Protein backbone atom coordinates (compact mmCIF):
# COMPACT_ATOMS: atom_id res chain seq x y z
CA MET A 1 -10.48 -0.88 6.01
CA LEU A 2 -7.49 -1.17 8.28
CA VAL A 3 -4.24 -1.42 6.35
CA MET A 4 -1.22 -2.96 8.03
CA THR A 5 2.46 -2.12 7.62
CA ARG A 6 3.17 -5.55 6.10
CA GLN A 7 0.43 -5.02 3.53
CA ILE A 8 2.09 -1.79 2.34
CA LYS A 9 5.40 -3.59 1.83
CA ALA A 10 3.72 -6.55 0.15
CA ALA A 11 1.66 -4.38 -2.19
CA ARG A 12 4.71 -2.40 -3.23
CA SER A 13 6.60 -5.63 -3.87
CA LEU A 14 3.79 -7.12 -5.97
CA LEU A 15 3.81 -4.04 -8.18
CA GLY A 16 7.60 -3.89 -8.37
CA TRP A 17 7.53 -0.32 -7.06
CA ALA A 18 10.45 1.24 -5.25
CA GLN A 19 9.66 3.65 -2.41
CA PRO A 20 10.16 6.73 -4.62
CA GLN A 21 7.56 5.45 -7.08
CA LEU A 22 5.05 4.87 -4.29
CA ALA A 23 5.73 8.40 -3.07
CA ARG A 24 5.02 9.81 -6.55
CA GLN A 25 1.89 7.73 -7.08
CA SER A 26 0.41 8.49 -3.66
CA GLY A 27 1.62 12.01 -2.99
CA VAL A 28 3.01 10.83 0.36
CA ALA A 29 6.51 11.98 1.30
CA ILE A 30 9.19 9.34 0.87
CA SER A 31 10.39 9.98 4.42
CA THR A 32 6.91 9.04 5.65
CA ILE A 33 6.89 5.86 3.57
CA ARG A 34 10.32 4.89 4.94
CA ARG A 35 9.14 5.53 8.49
CA LEU A 36 5.97 3.49 7.99
CA GLU A 37 7.72 0.55 6.35
CA GLY A 38 10.39 0.56 9.05
CA SER A 39 7.81 0.44 11.84
CA LYS A 40 7.66 -2.69 13.99
CA GLU A 41 3.99 -2.03 14.76
CA GLN A 42 1.32 -4.08 13.00
CA SER A 43 -0.97 -1.13 12.42
CA ILE A 44 0.35 1.85 10.50
CA PRO A 45 1.39 4.73 12.77
CA ALA A 46 0.06 7.46 10.46
CA HIS A 47 -2.86 9.79 9.93
CA VAL A 48 -5.95 8.27 8.34
CA ALA A 49 -5.57 10.60 5.34
CA THR A 50 -2.02 9.33 4.72
CA VAL A 51 -3.12 5.70 4.82
CA ASP A 52 -6.03 6.53 2.50
CA ARG A 53 -3.66 8.08 -0.04
CA LEU A 54 -1.41 5.03 0.00
CA ARG A 55 -4.34 2.64 -0.25
CA HIS A 56 -5.90 4.60 -3.10
CA ALA A 57 -2.63 4.61 -5.09
CA PHE A 58 -2.30 0.86 -4.67
CA GLU A 59 -5.93 0.19 -5.56
CA GLN A 60 -5.60 2.30 -8.71
CA ALA A 61 -2.64 0.12 -9.68
CA GLY A 62 -4.64 -3.09 -9.23
CA ILE A 63 -3.95 -4.09 -5.64
CA GLU A 64 -6.75 -5.52 -3.55
CA PHE A 65 -6.38 -5.43 0.24
CA ILE A 66 -7.65 -8.51 2.03
CA GLY A 67 -8.91 -8.08 5.58
CA PHE A 68 -9.11 -10.12 8.71
CA PRO A 69 -8.81 -12.86 9.78
CA CYS A 70 -5.93 -13.25 7.34
CA PRO A 71 -4.80 -9.81 6.17
CA GLY A 72 -2.90 -9.65 2.91
CA VAL A 73 -2.86 -8.24 -0.60
CA ARG A 74 -3.36 -9.59 -4.09
CA LEU A 75 -3.26 -8.30 -7.63
CA LYS A 76 -6.63 -8.07 -9.27
CA PHE A 77 -7.01 -7.91 -13.00
CA ASN A 78 -10.15 -7.05 -14.86
CA ASP A 79 -11.02 -6.33 -18.47
CA ASP A 80 -9.88 -2.70 -18.11
CA MET A 81 -6.36 -3.65 -17.00
CA SER A 82 -3.67 -5.05 -19.21
CA ALA A 83 -1.15 -7.48 -17.78
């Protein structure tokens, strides 16, 4: 699934994560996260592996990425997750 720059910012905001926490959770350098979040492009200017690491970290934390036609993010909770 294509992940957009705005979705990264929104997901981080929903979780209340600062950039350093996202870096720790994903294993992506904080300088890369800053560059991606500062990008004016809609699509993320990064390697597929980098985007996969970010997406995986968010999904493990309970974020669900919503695709086109209206891309976004939402928190998903199931029986295994505590609020």
